[in-house]
């Protein structure tokens, strides 16, 4: 009987790439997102850890949809900041307001 790894390795490159981009990568970014939220700085509403990663988290629709599906808080903040173009923190730019709103909802 062939192992799962052997079967995957036999697949053509384009199929492996499709599986990675559509299933594995979004879950890797979800795990990264959870780790960033759990950082000590994040629990103190300090956006220094999560802010540099925001462009990577928002780089494609599959990652965004996965985060929105798995995390209600992310969905709420994303909808407000990216769909309706509102900000929770008026004096901050859009990206900083997005990050701070995420942390605020999580920790307060």
C-alpha atoms as a PDB file:
ATOM      1  CA  UNK A   1       0.000   0.000   0.000  1.00  0.00           C
ATOM      2  CA  UNK A   2       1.321   3.431  -0.955  1.00  0.00           C
ATOM      3  CA  UNK A   3       1.840   6.018   1.741  1.00  0.00           C
ATOM      4  CA  UNK A   4       0.112   9.360   1.654  1.00  0.00           C
ATOM      5  CA  UNK A   5       3.444  11.160   1.210  1.00  0.00           C
ATOM      6  CA  UNK A   6       4.331   8.955  -1.737  1.00  0.00           C
ATOM      7  CA  UNK A   7       0.984   9.683  -3.404  1.00  0.00           C
ATOM      8  CA  UNK A   8       1.381  13.430  -2.872  1.00  0.00           C
ATOM      9  CA  UNK A   9       4.901  13.353  -4.267  1.00  0.00           C
ATOM     10  CA  UNK A  10       3.622  11.657  -7.421  1.00  0.00           C
ATOM     11  CA  UNK A  11       1.136  14.446  -8.130  1.00  0.00           C
ATOM     12  CA  UNK A  12       1.975  16.963 -10.851  1.00  0.00           C
ATOM     13  CA  UNK A  13       3.458  20.252  -9.653  1.00  0.00           C
ATOM     14  CA  UNK A  14       0.392  22.331 -10.567  1.00  0.00           C
ATOM     15  CA  UNK A  15      -1.878  20.151  -8.432  1.00  0.00           C
ATOM     16  CA  UNK A  16       0.526  20.278  -5.469  1.00  0.00           C
ATOM     17  CA  UNK A  17       0.747  24.056  -5.879  1.00  0.00           C
ATOM     18  CA  UNK A  18      -3.056  24.333  -5.972  1.00  0.00           C
ATOM     19  CA  UNK A  19      -3.418  22.246  -2.804  1.00  0.00           C
ATOM     20  CA  UNK A  20      -0.786  24.332  -1.031  1.00  0.00           C
ATOM     21  CA  UNK A  21      -2.203  27.720  -2.069  1.00  0.00           C
ATOM     22  CA  UNK A  22      -5.844  26.849  -1.410  1.00  0.00           C
ATOM     23  CA  UNK A  23      -5.684  24.674   1.684  1.00  0.00           C
ATOM     24  CA  UNK A  24      -2.311  24.630   3.400  1.00  0.00           C
ATOM     25  CA  UNK A  25      -1.250  28.281   3.131  1.00  0.00           C
ATOM     26  CA  UNK A  26      -4.510  29.715   4.540  1.00  0.00           C
ATOM     27  CA  UNK A  27      -4.204  27.425   7.560  1.00  0.00           C
ATOM     28  CA  UNK A  28      -0.559  28.384   8.067  1.00  0.00           C
ATOM     29  CA  UNK A  29      -1.578  32.039   8.125  1.00  0.00           C
ATOM     30  CA  UNK A  30      -4.373  31.273  10.580  1.00  0.00           C
ATOM     31  CA  UNK A  31      -1.846  29.641  12.906  1.00  0.00           C
ATOM     32  CA  UNK A  32       0.449  32.651  12.515  1.00  0.00           C
ATOM     33  CA  UNK A  33      -2.455  34.989  13.292  1.00  0.00           C
ATOM     34  CA  UNK A  34      -3.281  33.063  16.493  1.00  0.00           C
ATOM     35  CA  UNK A  35       0.340  33.272  17.629  1.00  0.00           C
ATOM     36  CA  UNK A  36       0.493  37.023  16.974  1.00  0.00           C
ATOM     37  CA  UNK A  37      -2.691  37.597  18.967  1.00  0.00           C
ATOM     38  CA  UNK A  38      -1.290  35.525  21.855  1.00  0.00           C
ATOM     39  CA  UNK A  39       1.928  37.585  22.126  1.00  0.00           C
ATOM     40  CA  UNK A  40       2.452  39.434  25.404  1.00  0.00           C
ATOM     41  CA  UNK A  41       2.653  42.746  23.536  1.00  0.00           C
ATOM     42  CA  UNK A  42      -0.693  42.039  21.882  1.00  0.00           C
ATOM     43  CA  UNK A  43      -2.361  41.396  25.230  1.00  0.00           C
ATOM     44  CA  UNK A  44      -1.169  44.887  26.246  1.00  0.00           C
ATOM     45  CA  UNK A  45      -2.832  46.365  23.132  1.00  0.00           C
ATOM     46  CA  UNK A  46       0.582  46.981  21.576  1.00  0.00           C
ATOM     47  CA  UNK A  47       0.337  46.480  17.799  1.00  0.00           C
ATOM     48  CA  UNK A  48       4.108  46.176  17.260  1.00  0.00           C
ATOM     49  CA  UNK A  49       3.987  42.408  16.636  1.00  0.00           C
ATOM     50  CA  UNK A  50       0.844  42.195  14.541  1.00  0.00           C
ATOM     51  CA  UNK A  51       1.137  45.381  12.451  1.00  0.00           C
ATOM     52  CA  UNK A  52       4.132  44.325  10.303  1.00  0.00           C
ATOM     53  CA  UNK A  53       2.331  41.076   9.485  1.00  0.00           C
ATOM     54  CA  UNK A  54      -0.977  42.663   8.460  1.00  0.00           C
ATOM     55  CA  UNK A  55      -0.122  43.019   4.742  1.00  0.00           C
ATOM     56  CA  UNK A  56       0.810  39.320   4.646  1.00  0.00           C
ATOM     57  CA  UNK A  57      -2.410  38.294   6.368  1.00  0.00           C
ATOM     58  CA  UNK A  58      -4.454  40.368   3.934  1.00  0.00           C
ATOM     59  CA  UNK A  59      -2.581  39.418   0.788  1.00  0.00           C
ATOM     60  CA  UNK A  60      -5.208  37.189  -0.788  1.00  0.00           C
ATOM     61  CA  UNK A  61      -8.871  36.308  -0.559  1.00  0.00           C
ATOM     62  CA  UNK A  62      -8.333  32.679   0.471  1.00  0.00           C
ATOM     63  CA  UNK A  63      -6.382  33.715   3.564  1.00  0.00           C
ATOM     64  CA  UNK A  64      -8.904  36.438   4.397  1.00  0.00           C
ATOM     65  CA  UNK A  65     -11.890  34.118   3.959  1.00  0.00           C
ATOM     66  CA  UNK A  66     -10.251  31.439   6.102  1.00  0.00           C
ATOM     67  CA  UNK A  67      -9.556  33.959   8.888  1.00  0.00           C
ATOM     68  CA  UNK A  68     -13.083  35.358   8.670  1.00  0.00           C
ATOM     69  CA  UNK A  69     -14.604  31.878   8.823  1.00  0.00           C
ATOM     70  CA  UNK A  70     -12.514  30.721  11.787  1.00  0.00           C
ATOM     71  CA  UNK A  71     -12.454  33.909  13.849  1.00  0.00           C
ATOM     72  CA  UNK A  72     -15.588  35.968  14.485  1.00  0.00           C
ATOM     73  CA  UNK A  73     -13.600  38.918  15.833  1.00  0.00           C
ATOM     74  CA  UNK A  74     -11.460  39.047  12.702  1.00  0.00           C
ATOM     75  CA  UNK A  75     -14.630  38.929  10.602  1.00  0.00           C
ATOM     76  CA  UNK A  76     -16.197  41.856  12.472  1.00  0.00           C
ATOM     77  CA  UNK A  77     -13.066  44.024  12.328  1.00  0.00           C
ATOM     78  CA  UNK A  78     -12.376  43.129   8.687  1.00  0.00           C
ATOM     79  CA  UNK A  79     -15.944  43.975   7.678  1.00  0.00           C
ATOM     80  CA  UNK A  80     -15.797  47.326   9.419  1.00  0.00           C
ATOM     81  CA  UNK A  81     -12.335  48.395   8.255  1.00  0.00           C
ATOM     82  CA  UNK A  82     -12.024  46.848   4.818  1.00  0.00           C
ATOM     83  CA  UNK A  83     -15.571  46.537   3.507  1.00  0.00           C
ATOM     84  CA  UNK A  84     -17.335  49.606   4.914  1.00  0.00           C
ATOM     85  CA  UNK A  85     -14.082  51.634   5.265  1.00  0.00           C
ATOM     86  CA  UNK A  86     -14.834  52.700   8.830  1.00  0.00           C
ATOM     87  CA  UNK A  87     -12.232  52.937  11.550  1.00  0.00           C
ATOM     88  CA  UNK A  88     -12.552  52.232  15.255  1.00  0.00           C
ATOM     89  CA  UNK A  89      -9.740  54.641  16.092  1.00  0.00           C
ATOM     90  CA  UNK A  90     -10.188  57.840  14.120  1.00  0.00           C
ATOM     91  CA  UNK A  91      -6.750  59.330  14.810  1.00  0.00           C
ATOM     92  CA  UNK A  92      -4.910  56.222  13.553  1.00  0.00           C
ATOM     93  CA  UNK A  93      -4.352  55.249   9.954  1.00  0.00           C
ATOM     94  CA  UNK A  94      -6.453  52.404   8.542  1.00  0.00           C
ATOM     95  CA  UNK A  95      -3.883  49.639   9.163  1.00  0.00           C
ATOM     96  CA  UNK A  96      -3.083  50.672  12.725  1.00  0.00           C
ATOM     97  CA  UNK A  97      -6.777  51.069  13.534  1.00  0.00           C
ATOM     98  CA  UNK A  98      -7.443  47.593  12.119  1.00  0.00           C
ATOM     99  CA  UNK A  99      -4.727  46.014  14.288  1.00  0.00           C
ATOM    100  CA  UNK A 100      -5.681  47.881  17.436  1.00  0.00           C
ATOM    101  CA  UNK A 101      -9.370  47.033  16.940  1.00  0.00           C
ATOM    102  CA  UNK A 102      -8.480  43.328  16.674  1.00  0.00           C
ATOM    103  CA  UNK A 103      -6.515  43.449  19.897  1.00  0.00           C
ATOM    104  CA  UNK A 104      -9.114  45.562  21.668  1.00  0.00           C
ATOM    105  CA  UNK A 105     -11.920  43.119  20.798  1.00  0.00           C
ATOM    106  CA  UNK A 106      -9.790  40.173  21.900  1.00  0.00           C
ATOM    107  CA  UNK A 107      -8.575  41.548  25.194  1.00  0.00           C
ATOM    108  CA  UNK A 108     -11.289  43.938  26.403  1.00  0.00           C
END
